[in-house]
Amino acid sequence: MAKRSILHMFDPMPNNSPFDINMALDAGFDVLVPYANVKLENIHNLTQDAVFSRSPAGNKRTALFIGGRDMGLAIDMLQATKPAMAPPFQVSVFADPSGACTTAAALVACVEKALKDHHSRELKGLKALVFGGTGPVGIATGVIASLQGAETLLVDHLSIDSAKDAAKQYNRRFGASMGAAVARNDEEKAQLVADADIVFCTAKAGIRVINSAVLAQAKQLKVAGDVNAVPPLGIEGIELNDFAAPLAAAAHSPNAVGVGALAVGNVKYQLQHELLKLMLETETPLFLDFREAFVKARTLV
């Protein structure tokens, strides 16, 4: 009898994400086992129970998924699975808290594609702003952009200290070189946007972060990308399905283009599906976070 595929879904929150459960079923897993309120110290024993209860052949049909809302904790949990396993008793692990890893990877890949197609440029050497930069999507976006060589600032809407703390923590974790900024009002946003090449908007859904008056101050904007699909959209003038559409509101940056939330979301959906499938198909264990997700996202845009 063929071994059934099993995905153990570890989540530090009170419930697992229905989105992730649906995605995992659609990717082909036969059995999903959700675990709520999981603590970091639980990961070692849970991993060993999942791994040593199946033969090496069974482990090829077994995987772990780490959710939650905290990027740092999710990465710590992923790392904690590694010493709990030993060849040939190993399984693949995918960390994607709040879908942040796949969303950020899709966002940066879409913006990078628009940048290459419309400006013949790469991210390297350009100035990138990440609004909503201290949330999980913003952090992952910032790290990816920084590792691609962009001069990246994480922008918080309330506190420069929060932005500095996030930049310092994740620079240390991933070898990035992000800076920090605060933008509490339109005047401060306009000052930042004035000399930015790239704008990523990763703030909460339903919040207008950048309006047309702020965009009008941009002098060298090339691409702006937004992940907010709930009105009002995060960046005024970018429509949901835009993929490198002209951004008229950036009047002083006549070649600026925008990437909308559904364009990013389409790539994010494909990306998560492909990574979940990959864990079923691989012969060797995979450990997936936003870095591996970005590599795959580039092949999908």
C-alpha atoms as a PDB file:
ATOM      1  CA  MET A   1       0.000   0.000   0.000  1.00  0.00           C
ATOM      2  CA  ALA A   2       1.391   3.390  -0.998  1.00  0.00           C
ATOM      3  CA  LYS A   3       2.294   5.733   1.815  1.00  0.00           C
ATOM      4  CA  ARG A   4      -0.083   8.651   2.200  1.00  0.00           C
ATOM      5  CA  SER A   5       1.438  12.119   2.189  1.00  0.00           C
ATOM      6  CA  ILE A   6       1.208  13.978   5.501  1.00  0.00           C
ATOM      7  CA  LEU A   7       1.768  17.666   6.234  1.00  0.00           C
ATOM      8  CA  HIS A   8       2.186  18.589   9.907  1.00  0.00           C
ATOM      9  CA  MET A   9       1.280  22.270  10.314  1.00  0.00           C
ATOM     10  CA  PHE A  10       2.884  23.950  13.336  1.00  0.00           C
ATOM     11  CA  ASP A  11       1.409  27.300  14.360  1.00  0.00           C
ATOM     12  CA  PRO A  12       2.124  29.407  17.475  1.00  0.00           C
ATOM     13  CA  MET A  13      -1.263  31.119  17.086  1.00  0.00           C
ATOM     14  CA  PRO A  14      -4.594  29.801  18.477  1.00  0.00           C
ATOM     15  CA  ASN A  15      -5.574  28.503  15.050  1.00  0.00           C
ATOM     16  CA  ASN A  16      -4.021  27.502  11.765  1.00  0.00           C
ATOM     17  CA  SER A  17      -4.632  29.552   8.653  1.00  0.00           C
ATOM     18  CA  PRO A  18      -7.531  28.282   6.476  1.00  0.00           C
ATOM     19  CA  PHE A  19      -5.639  29.736   3.500  1.00  0.00           C
ATOM     20  CA  ASP A  20      -2.639  27.507   4.166  1.00  0.00           C
ATOM     21  CA  ILE A  21      -4.839  24.463   4.755  1.00  0.00           C
ATOM     22  CA  ASN A  22      -6.642  24.977   1.444  1.00  0.00           C
ATOM     23  CA  MET A  23      -3.360  25.530  -0.376  1.00  0.00           C
ATOM     24  CA  ALA A  24      -1.829  22.356   1.051  1.00  0.00           C
ATOM     25  CA  LEU A  25      -4.798  20.228   0.057  1.00  0.00           C
ATOM     26  CA  ASP A  26      -4.809  21.677  -3.447  1.00  0.00           C
ATOM     27  CA  ALA A  27      -1.078  20.987  -3.737  1.00  0.00           C
ATOM     28  CA  GLY A  28      -1.731  17.296  -3.245  1.00  0.00           C
ATOM     29  CA  PHE A  29      -1.167  16.418   0.416  1.00  0.00           C
ATOM     30  CA  ASP A  30      -3.453  13.574   1.505  1.00  0.00           C
ATOM     31  CA  VAL A  31      -3.512  14.317   5.235  1.00  0.00           C
ATOM     32  CA  LEU A  32      -3.141  17.642   7.055  1.00  0.00           C
ATOM     33  CA  VAL A  33      -2.522  17.721  10.794  1.00  0.00           C
ATOM     34  CA  PRO A  34      -2.862  21.223  12.332  1.00  0.00           C
ATOM     35  CA  TYR A  35      -1.194  22.087  15.643  1.00  0.00           C
ATOM     36  CA  ALA A  36      -2.113  25.335  17.430  1.00  0.00           C
ATOM     37  CA  ASN A  37      -0.365  27.260  20.238  1.00  0.00           C
ATOM     38  CA  VAL A  38       2.954  25.583  19.414  1.00  0.00           C
ATOM     39  CA  LYS A  39       5.939  26.998  21.296  1.00  0.00           C
ATOM     40  CA  LEU A  40       9.509  27.065  20.074  1.00  0.00           C
ATOM     41  CA  GLU A  41      10.524  24.575  22.751  1.00  0.00           C
ATOM     42  CA  ASN A  42       7.938  22.100  21.402  1.00  0.00           C
ATOM     43  CA  ILE A  43       9.443  21.948  17.919  1.00  0.00           C
ATOM     44  CA  HIS A  44      12.220  19.443  18.615  1.00  0.00           C
ATOM     45  CA  ASN A  45       9.949  16.763  20.057  1.00  0.00           C
ATOM     46  CA  LEU A  46       7.172  17.335  17.535  1.00  0.00           C
ATOM     47  CA  THR A  47       9.649  17.030  14.678  1.00  0.00           C
ATOM     48  CA  GLN A  48      11.129  13.813  16.028  1.00  0.00           C
ATOM     49  CA  ASP A  49       7.669  12.302  16.510  1.00  0.00           C
ATOM     50  CA  ALA A  50       6.833  13.135  12.894  1.00  0.00           C
ATOM     51  CA  VAL A  51      10.111  11.834  11.516  1.00  0.00           C
ATOM     52  CA  PHE A  52      10.896   8.679  13.484  1.00  0.00           C
ATOM     53  CA  SER A  53       7.366   7.292  13.204  1.00  0.00           C
ATOM     54  CA  ARG A  54       7.848   6.645   9.471  1.00  0.00           C
ATOM     55  CA  SER A  55      10.396   4.796   7.391  1.00  0.00           C
ATOM     56  CA  PRO A  56      12.779   6.728   5.130  1.00  0.00           C
ATOM     57  CA  ALA A  57      10.323   6.070   2.288  1.00  0.00           C
ATOM     58  CA  GLY A  58       7.523   7.430   4.438  1.00  0.00           C
ATOM     59  CA  ASN A  59       9.541  10.521   5.281  1.00  0.00           C
ATOM     60  CA  LYS A  60       9.685  11.386   1.590  1.00  0.00           C
ATOM     61  CA  ARG A  61       5.902  11.690   1.863  1.00  0.00           C
ATOM     62  CA  THR A  62       6.054  13.761   5.066  1.00  0.00           C
ATOM     63  CA  ALA A  63       6.639  17.497   5.488  1.00  0.00           C
ATOM     64  CA  LEU A  64       6.342  20.269   8.063  1.00  0.00           C
ATOM     65  CA  PHE A  65       4.760  23.698   7.574  1.00  0.00           C
ATOM     66  CA  ILE A  66       5.383  26.576   9.996  1.00  0.00           C
ATOM     67  CA  GLY A  67       2.841  29.392  10.170  1.00  0.00           C
ATOM     68  CA  GLY A  68       1.999  32.110  12.665  1.00  0.00           C
ATOM     69  CA  ARG A  69       2.492  35.857  12.338  1.00  0.00           C
ATOM     70  CA  ASP A  70       6.021  36.410  13.637  1.00  0.00           C
ATOM     71  CA  MET A  71       8.782  36.147  11.038  1.00  0.00           C
ATOM     72  CA  GLY A  72      11.590  35.762  13.564  1.00  0.00           C
ATOM     73  CA  LEU A  73       9.784  33.033  15.484  1.00  0.00           C
ATOM     74  CA  ALA A  74       8.936  31.150  12.286  1.00  0.00           C
ATOM     75  CA  ILE A  75      12.571  31.174  11.191  1.00  0.00           C
ATOM     76  CA  ASP A  76      13.645  30.061  14.681  1.00  0.00           C
ATOM     77  CA  MET A  77      11.161  27.196  14.494  1.00  0.00           C
ATOM     78  CA  LEU A  78      12.449  26.163  11.074  1.00  0.00           C
ATOM     79  CA  GLN A  79      16.006  26.159  12.392  1.00  0.00           C
ATOM     80  CA  ALA A  80      14.930  24.153  15.444  1.00  0.00           C
ATOM     81  CA  THR A  81      13.701  21.304  13.223  1.00  0.00           C
ATOM     82  CA  LYS A  82      17.155  20.662  11.762  1.00  0.00           C
ATOM     83  CA  PRO A  83      18.958  19.206  14.822  1.00  0.00           C
ATOM     84  CA  ALA A  84      15.899  17.054  15.538  1.00  0.00           C
ATOM     85  CA  MET A  85      16.537  15.062  12.352  1.00  0.00           C
ATOM     86  CA  ALA A  86      19.336  12.819  11.118  1.00  0.00           C
ATOM     87  CA  PRO A  87      19.788  11.019   7.780  1.00  0.00           C
ATOM     88  CA  PRO A  88      17.891   9.096   6.523  1.00  0.00           C
ATOM     89  CA  PHE A  89      15.147  10.280   8.866  1.00  0.00           C
ATOM     90  CA  GLN A  90      14.622  13.760   7.456  1.00  0.00           C
ATOM     91  CA  VAL A  91      11.671  15.698   6.027  1.00  0.00           C
ATOM     92  CA  SER A  92      11.187  19.015   4.243  1.00  0.00           C
ATOM     93  CA  VAL A  93      10.183  22.143   6.165  1.00  0.00           C
ATOM     94  CA  PHE A  94       8.494  25.301   4.837  1.00  0.00           C
ATOM     95  CA  ALA A  95       8.154  28.484   6.916  1.00  0.00           C
ATOM     96  CA  ASP A  96       5.593  30.992   5.634  1.00  0.00           C
ATOM     97  CA  PRO A  97       4.089  32.965   8.552  1.00  0.00           C
ATOM     98  CA  SER A  98       0.986  34.910   7.453  1.00  0.00           C
ATOM     99  CA  GLY A  99       2.008  34.038   3.908  1.00  0.00           C
ATOM    100  CA  ALA A 100       4.741  36.647   4.353  1.00  0.00           C
ATOM    101  CA  CYS A 101       7.561  34.701   2.724  1.00  0.00           C
ATOM    102  CA  THR A 102       5.668  33.947  -0.465  1.00  0.00           C
ATOM    103  CA  THR A 103       3.992  37.372  -0.607  1.00  0.00           C
ATOM    104  CA  ALA A 104       7.286  39.224  -0.190  1.00  0.00           C
ATOM    105  CA  ALA A 105       9.040  36.991  -2.717  1.00  0.00           C
ATOM    106  CA  ALA A 106       6.254  37.562  -5.242  1.00  0.00           C
ATOM    107  CA  LEU A 107       6.251  41.327  -4.641  1.00  0.00           C
ATOM    108  CA  VAL A 108       9.986  41.758  -5.130  1.00  0.00           C
ATOM    109  CA  ALA A 109      10.025  39.438  -8.145  1.00  0.00           C
ATOM    110  CA  CYS A 110       7.193  41.413  -9.814  1.00  0.00           C
ATOM    111  CA  VAL A 111       8.840  44.764  -9.099  1.00  0.00           C
ATOM    112  CA  GLU A 112      12.199  43.445 -10.318  1.00  0.00           C
ATOM    113  CA  LYS A 113      10.570  42.250 -13.549  1.00  0.00           C
ATOM    114  CA  ALA A 114       8.921  45.647 -14.134  1.00  0.00           C
ATOM    115  CA  LEU A 115      12.194  47.374 -13.385  1.00  0.00           C
ATOM    116  CA  LYS A 116      14.090  45.291 -15.937  1.00  0.00           C
ATOM    117  CA  ASP A 117      11.423  45.523 -18.634  1.00  0.00           C
ATOM    118  CA  HIS A 118      10.763  49.264 -18.362  1.00  0.00           C
ATOM    119  CA  HIS A 119      14.032  50.693 -17.096  1.00  0.00           C
ATOM    120  CA  SER A 120      16.657  48.071 -18.002  1.00  0.00           C
ATOM    121  CA  ARG A 121      17.855  48.188 -14.406  1.00  0.00           C
ATOM    122  CA  GLU A 122      18.376  45.786 -11.555  1.00  0.00           C
ATOM    123  CA  LEU A 123      17.681  46.416  -7.882  1.00  0.00           C
ATOM    124  CA  LYS A 124      21.383  46.712  -7.149  1.00  0.00           C
ATOM    125  CA  GLY A 125      22.383  50.278  -6.338  1.00  0.00           C
ATOM    126  CA  LEU A 126      18.839  51.642  -6.269  1.00  0.00           C
ATOM    127  CA  LYS A 127      17.121  53.205  -3.257  1.00  0.00           C
ATOM    128  CA  ALA A 128      14.133  51.169  -2.046  1.00  0.00           C
ATOM    129  CA  LEU A 129      11.565  52.092   0.603  1.00  0.00           C
ATOM    130  CA  VAL A 130       9.455  49.466   2.373  1.00  0.00           C
ATOM    131  CA  PHE A 131       6.366  51.056   3.912  1.00  0.00           C
ATOM    132  CA  GLY A 132       4.910  48.798   6.573  1.00  0.00           C
ATOM    133  CA  GLY A 133       8.473  47.640   6.903  1.00  0.00           C
ATOM    134  CA  THR A 134       8.260  46.278  10.454  1.00  0.00           C
ATOM    135  CA  GLY A 135       5.514  43.739   9.680  1.00  0.00           C
ATOM    136  CA  PRO A 136       6.311  40.212   8.480  1.00  0.00           C
ATOM    137  CA  VAL A 137       5.787  40.944   4.770  1.00  0.00           C
ATOM    138  CA  GLY A 138       7.747  44.181   5.045  1.00  0.00           C
ATOM    139  CA  ILE A 139      10.662  42.538   6.812  1.00  0.00           C
ATOM    140  CA  ALA A 140      10.902  39.735   4.253  1.00  0.00           C
ATOM    141  CA  THR A 141      10.572  42.250   1.399  1.00  0.00           C
ATOM    142  CA  GLY A 142      13.304  44.411   2.877  1.00  0.00           C
ATOM    143  CA  VAL A 143      15.720  41.537   3.366  1.00  0.00           C
ATOM    144  CA  ILE A 144      15.200  40.231  -0.171  1.00  0.00           C
ATOM    145  CA  ALA A 145      15.687  43.694  -1.697  1.00  0.00           C
ATOM    146  CA  SER A 146      18.767  44.354   0.424  1.00  0.00           C
ATOM    147  CA  LEU A 147      20.337  41.018  -0.490  1.00  0.00           C
ATOM    148  CA  GLN A 148      19.796  41.952  -4.146  1.00  0.00           C
ATOM    149  CA  GLY A 149      21.888  45.065  -3.578  1.00  0.00           C
ATOM    150  CA  ALA A 150      19.226  47.740  -3.105  1.00  0.00           C
ATOM    151  CA  GLU A 151      19.806  50.501  -0.558  1.00  0.00           C
ATOM    152  CA  THR A 152      16.789  49.513   1.500  1.00  0.00           C
ATOM    153  CA  LEU A 153      14.973  51.368   4.276  1.00  0.00           C
ATOM    154  CA  LEU A 154      12.338  49.781   6.506  1.00  0.00           C
ATOM    155  CA  VAL A 155       9.744  52.501   7.121  1.00  0.00           C
ATOM    156  CA  ASP A 156       7.568  52.423  10.240  1.00  0.00           C
ATOM    157  CA  HIS A 157       4.500  54.657  10.549  1.00  0.00           C
ATOM    158  CA  LEU A 158       4.991  55.457  14.246  1.00  0.00           C
ATOM    159  CA  SER A 159       8.471  54.830  15.617  1.00  0.00           C
ATOM    160  CA  ILE A 160      11.998  55.130  14.288  1.00  0.00           C
ATOM    161  CA  ASP A 161      13.096  52.855  17.122  1.00  0.00           C
ATOM    162  CA  SER A 162      10.828  50.055  15.898  1.00  0.00           C
ATOM    163  CA  ALA A 163      12.274  50.388  12.408  1.00  0.00           C
ATOM    164  CA  LYS A 164      15.845  50.442  13.734  1.00  0.00           C
ATOM    165  CA  ASP A 165      15.249  47.401  15.924  1.00  0.00           C
ATOM    166  CA  ALA A 166      13.781  45.413  13.026  1.00  0.00           C
ATOM    167  CA  ALA A 167      16.583  46.406  10.656  1.00  0.00           C
ATOM    168  CA  LYS A 168      19.268  45.529  13.188  1.00  0.00           C
ATOM    169  CA  GLN A 169      17.739  42.165  14.059  1.00  0.00           C
ATOM    170  CA  TYR A 170      17.201  40.986  10.513  1.00  0.00           C
ATOM    171  CA  ASN A 171      20.458  42.396   9.174  1.00  0.00           C
ATOM    172  CA  ARG A 172      22.186  40.239  11.747  1.00  0.00           C
ATOM    173  CA  ARG A 173      20.111  37.172  10.941  1.00  0.00           C
ATOM    174  CA  PHE A 174      20.449  37.267   7.166  1.00  0.00           C
ATOM    175  CA  GLY A 175      23.509  39.350   6.343  1.00  0.00           C
ATOM    176  CA  ALA A 176      21.396  42.208   4.967  1.00  0.00           C
ATOM    177  CA  SER A 177      22.229  45.908   5.271  1.00  0.00           C
ATOM    178  CA  MET A 178      18.874  47.614   5.736  1.00  0.00           C
ATOM    179  CA  GLY A 179      18.417  51.064   7.213  1.00  0.00           C
ATOM    180  CA  ALA A 180      15.439  52.506   9.060  1.00  0.00           C
ATOM    181  CA  ALA A 181      13.077  55.443   8.730  1.00  0.00           C
ATOM    182  CA  VAL A 182       9.804  56.739  10.134  1.00  0.00           C
ATOM    183  CA  ALA A 183       6.971  58.396   8.190  1.00  0.00           C
ATOM    184  CA  ARG A 184       4.195  59.568  10.489  1.00  0.00           C
ATOM    185  CA  ASN A 185       2.528  61.968   8.067  1.00  0.00           C
ATOM    186  CA  ASP A 186       2.402  62.939   4.398  1.00  0.00           C
ATOM    187  CA  GLU A 187       5.208  65.462   4.758  1.00  0.00           C
ATOM    188  CA  GLU A 188       7.610  62.826   6.079  1.00  0.00           C
ATOM    189  CA  LYS A 189       6.465  60.341   3.427  1.00  0.00           C
ATOM    190  CA  ALA A 190       7.066  62.899   0.687  1.00  0.00           C
ATOM    191  CA  GLN A 191      10.580  63.578   1.955  1.00  0.00           C
ATOM    192  CA  LEU A 192      11.408  59.883   1.747  1.00  0.00           C
ATOM    193  CA  VAL A 193       9.740  59.291  -1.614  1.00  0.00           C
ATOM    194  CA  ALA A 194      11.426  62.317  -3.210  1.00  0.00           C
ATOM    195  CA  ASP A 195      14.643  60.454  -4.031  1.00  0.00           C
ATOM    196  CA  ALA A 196      13.428  56.832  -3.969  1.00  0.00           C
ATOM    197  CA  ASP A 197      13.760  54.578  -6.997  1.00  0.00           C
ATOM    198  CA  ILE A 198      11.525  51.804  -5.667  1.00  0.00           C
ATOM    199  CA  VAL A 199       8.548  51.885  -3.310  1.00  0.00           C
ATOM    200  CA  PHE A 200       7.164  48.724  -1.735  1.00  0.00           C
ATOM    201  CA  CYS A 201       3.899  49.090   0.146  1.00  0.00           C
ATOM    202  CA  THR A 202       3.382  46.207   2.595  1.00  0.00           C
ATOM    203  CA  ALA A 203       1.208  47.898   5.221  1.00  0.00           C
ATOM    204  CA  LYS A 204      -2.071  46.569   6.637  1.00  0.00           C
ATOM    205  CA  ALA A 205      -4.987  45.999   4.291  1.00  0.00           C
ATOM    206  CA  GLY A 206      -7.483  48.801   3.833  1.00  0.00           C
ATOM    207  CA  ILE A 207      -5.080  51.643   4.601  1.00  0.00           C
ATOM    208  CA  ARG A 208      -4.069  54.313   2.076  1.00  0.00           C
ATOM    209  CA  VAL A 209      -0.365  54.745   2.784  1.00  0.00           C
ATOM    210  CA  ILE A 210       0.748  56.873  -0.156  1.00  0.00           C
ATOM    211  CA  ASN A 211      -1.603  59.310  -1.843  1.00  0.00           C
ATOM    212  CA  SER A 212      -1.189  61.153  -5.124  1.00  0.00           C
ATOM    213  CA  ALA A 213       0.134  64.267  -3.399  1.00  0.00           C
ATOM    214  CA  VAL A 214       2.992  62.254  -1.909  1.00  0.00           C
ATOM    215  CA  LEU A 215       3.688  60.516  -5.219  1.00  0.00           C
ATOM    216  CA  ALA A 216       3.846  63.905  -6.930  1.00  0.00           C
ATOM    217  CA  GLN A 217       7.005  64.622  -4.932  1.00  0.00           C
ATOM    218  CA  ALA A 218       8.880  61.626  -6.352  1.00  0.00           C
ATOM    219  CA  LYS A 219      11.719  62.800  -8.582  1.00  0.00           C
ATOM    220  CA  GLN A 220      13.220  59.488  -9.710  1.00  0.00           C
ATOM    221  CA  LEU A 221      10.634  56.814  -8.980  1.00  0.00           C
ATOM    222  CA  LYS A 222      10.863  53.813 -11.279  1.00  0.00           C
ATOM    223  CA  VAL A 223       8.536  51.164  -9.851  1.00  0.00           C
ATOM    224  CA  ALA A 224       6.008  51.080  -7.006  1.00  0.00           C
ATOM    225  CA  GLY A 225       4.412  47.847  -5.810  1.00  0.00           C
ATOM    226  CA  ASP A 226       1.434  47.390  -3.471  1.00  0.00           C
ATOM    227  CA  VAL A 227       0.133  44.227  -1.743  1.00  0.00           C
ATOM    228  CA  ASN A 228      -3.063  45.737  -0.307  1.00  0.00           C
ATOM    229  CA  ALA A 229      -6.141  44.448  -2.162  1.00  0.00           C
ATOM    230  CA  VAL A 230      -8.721  45.960   0.241  1.00  0.00           C
ATOM    231  CA  PRO A 231      -9.999  49.493  -0.539  1.00  0.00           C
ATOM    232  CA  PRO A 232      -8.631  52.011  -0.088  1.00  0.00           C
ATOM    233  CA  LEU A 233      -5.585  50.539  -1.800  1.00  0.00           C
ATOM    234  CA  GLY A 234      -2.162  51.227  -0.348  1.00  0.00           C
ATOM    235  CA  ILE A 235      -0.831  53.410  -3.161  1.00  0.00           C
ATOM    236  CA  GLU A 236      -3.189  55.790  -4.924  1.00  0.00           C
ATOM    237  CA  GLY A 237      -3.179  55.367  -8.698  1.00  0.00           C
ATOM    238  CA  ILE A 238      -2.203  51.693  -8.765  1.00  0.00           C
ATOM    239  CA  GLU A 239      -5.074  49.401  -9.750  1.00  0.00           C
ATOM    240  CA  LEU A 240      -5.415  45.845  -8.476  1.00  0.00           C
ATOM    241  CA  ASN A 241      -4.409  44.109 -11.721  1.00  0.00           C
ATOM    242  CA  ASP A 242      -1.708  46.533 -12.822  1.00  0.00           C
ATOM    243  CA  PHE A 243       1.552  44.932 -13.863  1.00  0.00           C
ATOM    244  CA  ALA A 244       3.968  47.690 -14.822  1.00  0.00           C
ATOM    245  CA  ALA A 245       1.156  50.098 -15.708  1.00  0.00           C
ATOM    246  CA  PRO A 246       2.060  53.819 -16.021  1.00  0.00           C
ATOM    247  CA  LEU A 247       1.790  55.620 -12.697  1.00  0.00           C
ATOM    248  CA  ALA A 248       0.344  58.982 -13.677  1.00  0.00           C
ATOM    249  CA  ALA A 249       0.281  60.333 -10.126  1.00  0.00           C
ATOM    250  CA  ALA A 250       4.091  60.392 -10.099  1.00  0.00           C
ATOM    251  CA  ALA A 251       4.117  63.383 -12.413  1.00  0.00           C
ATOM    252  CA  HIS A 252       7.797  64.217 -11.857  1.00  0.00           C
ATOM    253  CA  SER A 253       8.777  60.611 -12.601  1.00  0.00           C
ATOM    254  CA  PRO A 254       7.133  60.220 -16.024  1.00  0.00           C
ATOM    255  CA  ASN A 255       8.420  56.683 -16.590  1.00  0.00           C
ATOM    256  CA  ALA A 256       7.279  55.309 -13.250  1.00  0.00           C
ATOM    257  CA  VAL A 257       5.133  52.169 -13.333  1.00  0.00           C
ATOM    258  CA  GLY A 258       3.003  50.408 -10.740  1.00  0.00           C
ATOM    259  CA  VAL A 259       2.369  46.797  -9.750  1.00  0.00           C
ATOM    260  CA  GLY A 260      -0.976  46.039  -8.123  1.00  0.00           C
ATOM    261  CA  ALA A 261      -2.007  43.669  -5.369  1.00  0.00           C
ATOM    262  CA  LEU A 262      -3.776  41.090  -7.530  1.00  0.00           C
ATOM    263  CA  ALA A 263      -0.838  40.932  -9.937  1.00  0.00           C
ATOM    264  CA  VAL A 264       1.393  40.173  -6.951  1.00  0.00           C
ATOM    265  CA  GLY A 265      -1.220  37.855  -5.455  1.00  0.00           C
ATOM    266  CA  ASN A 266      -1.420  35.753  -8.594  1.00  0.00           C
ATOM    267  CA  VAL A 267       2.321  35.082  -8.419  1.00  0.00           C
ATOM    268  CA  LYS A 268       2.119  34.505  -4.639  1.00  0.00           C
ATOM    269  CA  TYR A 269      -0.626  31.899  -5.114  1.00  0.00           C
ATOM    270  CA  GLN A 270       1.329  30.056  -7.804  1.00  0.00           C
ATOM    271  CA  LEU A 271       4.477  30.282  -5.708  1.00  0.00           C
ATOM    272  CA  GLN A 272       3.016  28.780  -2.552  1.00  0.00           C
ATOM    273  CA  HIS A 273       1.395  26.020  -4.596  1.00  0.00           C
ATOM    274  CA  GLU A 274       4.681  25.177  -6.328  1.00  0.00           C
ATOM    275  CA  LEU A 275       6.697  25.139  -3.097  1.00  0.00           C
ATOM    276  CA  LEU A 276       4.183  22.869  -1.371  1.00  0.00           C
ATOM    277  CA  LYS A 277       4.250  20.527  -4.383  1.00  0.00           C
ATOM    278  CA  LEU A 278       8.042  20.602  -4.368  1.00  0.00           C
ATOM    279  CA  MET A 279       8.098  19.150  -0.849  1.00  0.00           C
ATOM    280  CA  LEU A 280       6.104  16.184  -2.173  1.00  0.00           C
ATOM    281  CA  GLU A 281       8.364  15.659  -5.165  1.00  0.00           C
ATOM    282  CA  THR A 282      11.866  16.181  -3.775  1.00  0.00           C
ATOM    283  CA  GLU A 283      14.233  13.301  -3.096  1.00  0.00           C
ATOM    284  CA  THR A 284      16.276  15.331  -0.617  1.00  0.00           C
ATOM    285  CA  PRO A 285      14.906  17.399   2.302  1.00  0.00           C
ATOM    286  CA  LEU A 286      14.263  21.083   1.637  1.00  0.00           C
ATOM    287  CA  PHE A 287      14.259  23.985   4.107  1.00  0.00           C
ATOM    288  CA  LEU A 288      12.236  26.816   2.607  1.00  0.00           C
ATOM    289  CA  ASP A 289      11.773  30.431   3.665  1.00  0.00           C
ATOM    290  CA  PHE A 290      11.567  33.727   1.751  1.00  0.00           C
ATOM    291  CA  ARG A 291      15.026  33.327   0.212  1.00  0.00           C
ATOM    292  CA  GLU A 292      14.184  30.077  -1.565  1.00  0.00           C
ATOM    293  CA  ALA A 293      10.721  31.470  -2.327  1.00  0.00           C
ATOM    294  CA  PHE A 294      12.276  34.436  -4.144  1.00  0.00           C
ATOM    295  CA  VAL A 295      14.431  32.181  -6.309  1.00  0.00           C
ATOM    296  CA  LYS A 296      11.309  30.295  -7.367  1.00  0.00           C
ATOM    297  CA  ALA A 297       9.199  33.467  -7.769  1.00  0.00           C
ATOM    298  CA  ARG A 298      11.619  34.800 -10.351  1.00  0.00           C
ATOM    299  CA  THR A 299      10.770  31.844 -12.579  1.00  0.00           C
ATOM    300  CA  LEU A 300       7.036  32.579 -12.352  1.00  0.00           C
ATOM    301  CA  VAL A 301       6.878  36.264 -13.390  1.00  0.00           C
END
